[in-house]
Amino acid sequence: MPGWVEFLLNGVCHRLPAHSLVYGGKPAPLCARCTGLFAGAALLFAVLAASGLWRRSRLAPWHV
């Protein structure tokens, strides 16, 4: 994994080997908990955007 990716991931995930998923003998870049959190957040925003609920919600606008 490139060094800049390692740098970014160290700030958002604790990356404990005991909590990481293993693919092909190598640990995943994110632990299982953080993978689920980020995947869930991405899915939420995708569903909100696709259904048009993002515009109708009372969330703060992006410029705030």
C-alpha atoms as a PDB file:
ATOM      1  CA  MET A   1       0.000   0.000   0.000  1.00  0.00           C
ATOM      2  CA  PRO A   2       1.396   3.458  -0.836  1.00  0.00           C
ATOM      3  CA  GLY A   3       2.718   5.544   2.040  1.00  0.00           C
ATOM      4  CA  TRP A   4       0.165   8.335   1.629  1.00  0.00           C
ATOM      5  CA  VAL A   5      -2.707   5.830   1.922  1.00  0.00           C
ATOM      6  CA  GLU A   6      -1.165   4.456   5.124  1.00  0.00           C
ATOM      7  CA  PHE A   7      -0.896   8.012   6.455  1.00  0.00           C
ATOM      8  CA  LEU A   8      -4.583   8.756   5.756  1.00  0.00           C
ATOM      9  CA  LEU A   9      -5.849   5.478   7.175  1.00  0.00           C
ATOM     10  CA  ASN A  10      -3.884   5.855  10.409  1.00  0.00           C
ATOM     11  CA  GLY A  11      -5.947   8.938  11.186  1.00  0.00           C
ATOM     12  CA  VAL A  12      -9.347   7.247  10.797  1.00  0.00           C
ATOM     13  CA  CYS A  13      -8.794   3.673  12.002  1.00  0.00           C
ATOM     14  CA  HIS A  14      -6.904   2.043  14.843  1.00  0.00           C
ATOM     15  CA  ARG A  15      -5.966  -0.862  12.503  1.00  0.00           C
ATOM     16  CA  LEU A  16      -5.445  -3.552  15.124  1.00  0.00           C
ATOM     17  CA  PRO A  17      -4.426  -6.834  13.457  1.00  0.00           C
ATOM     18  CA  ALA A  18      -6.789  -8.837  15.677  1.00  0.00           C
ATOM     19  CA  HIS A  19      -9.769  -6.782  14.427  1.00  0.00           C
ATOM     20  CA  SER A  20      -8.833  -6.679  10.739  1.00  0.00           C
ATOM     21  CA  LEU A  21     -10.275  -8.819   7.983  1.00  0.00           C
ATOM     22  CA  VAL A  22      -7.700 -10.893   6.080  1.00  0.00           C
ATOM     23  CA  TYR A  23      -7.729 -11.151   2.276  1.00  0.00           C
ATOM     24  CA  GLY A  24      -5.187 -13.387   0.600  1.00  0.00           C
ATOM     25  CA  GLY A  25      -3.030 -13.576   3.721  1.00  0.00           C
ATOM     26  CA  LYS A  26      -2.797  -9.792   4.131  1.00  0.00           C
ATOM     27  CA  PRO A  27      -4.848  -7.672   6.539  1.00  0.00           C
ATOM     28  CA  ALA A  28      -7.365  -5.253   5.060  1.00  0.00           C
ATOM     29  CA  PRO A  29      -6.460  -1.550   5.174  1.00  0.00           C
ATOM     30  CA  LEU A  30      -9.313  -0.891   7.633  1.00  0.00           C
ATOM     31  CA  CYS A  31     -10.472  -2.972  10.587  1.00  0.00           C
ATOM     32  CA  ALA A  32     -13.842  -4.717  10.367  1.00  0.00           C
ATOM     33  CA  ARG A  33     -15.583  -2.105  12.539  1.00  0.00           C
ATOM     34  CA  CYS A  34     -14.359   0.882  10.520  1.00  0.00           C
ATOM     35  CA  THR A  35     -15.117  -0.894   7.247  1.00  0.00           C
ATOM     36  CA  GLY A  36     -18.728  -1.343   8.381  1.00  0.00           C
ATOM     37  CA  LEU A  37     -19.019   2.243   9.601  1.00  0.00           C
ATOM     38  CA  PHE A  38     -17.686   3.786   6.400  1.00  0.00           C
ATOM     39  CA  ALA A  39     -19.653   1.419   4.146  1.00  0.00           C
ATOM     40  CA  GLY A  40     -22.842   2.213   6.076  1.00  0.00           C
ATOM     41  CA  ALA A  41     -22.250   5.961   5.840  1.00  0.00           C
ATOM     42  CA  ALA A  42     -21.547   5.724   2.105  1.00  0.00           C
ATOM     43  CA  LEU A  43     -24.690   3.637   1.588  1.00  0.00           C
ATOM     44  CA  LEU A  44     -26.768   6.138   3.579  1.00  0.00           C
ATOM     45  CA  PHE A  45     -25.595   9.097   1.485  1.00  0.00           C
ATOM     46  CA  ALA A  46     -26.107   7.130  -1.734  1.00  0.00           C
ATOM     47  CA  VAL A  47     -29.687   6.236  -0.766  1.00  0.00           C
ATOM     48  CA  LEU A  48     -30.444   9.811   0.308  1.00  0.00           C
ATOM     49  CA  ALA A  49     -29.048  11.207  -2.930  1.00  0.00           C
ATOM     50  CA  ALA A  50     -30.830   8.649  -5.125  1.00  0.00           C
ATOM     51  CA  SER A  51     -34.194   9.129  -3.446  1.00  0.00           C
ATOM     52  CA  GLY A  52     -34.030  12.912  -3.370  1.00  0.00           C
ATOM     53  CA  LEU A  53     -34.393  13.001   0.416  1.00  0.00           C
ATOM     54  CA  TRP A  54     -31.106  14.886   0.781  1.00  0.00           C
ATOM     55  CA  ARG A  55     -32.639  18.018  -0.747  1.00  0.00           C
ATOM     56  CA  ARG A  56     -35.848  17.725   1.280  1.00  0.00           C
ATOM     57  CA  SER A  57     -34.101  17.058   4.591  1.00  0.00           C
ATOM     58  CA  ARG A  58     -33.337  19.741   7.125  1.00  0.00           C
ATOM     59  CA  LEU A  59     -29.613  19.075   7.066  1.00  0.00           C
ATOM     60  CA  ALA A  60     -27.290  22.045   7.033  1.00  0.00           C
ATOM     61  CA  PRO A  61     -26.215  23.212   3.556  1.00  0.00           C
ATOM     62  CA  TRP A  62     -22.672  22.394   2.435  1.00  0.00           C
ATOM     63  CA  HIS A  63     -21.344  25.958   2.782  1.00  0.00           C
ATOM     64  CA  VAL A  64     -21.759  25.917   6.585  1.00  0.00           C
END
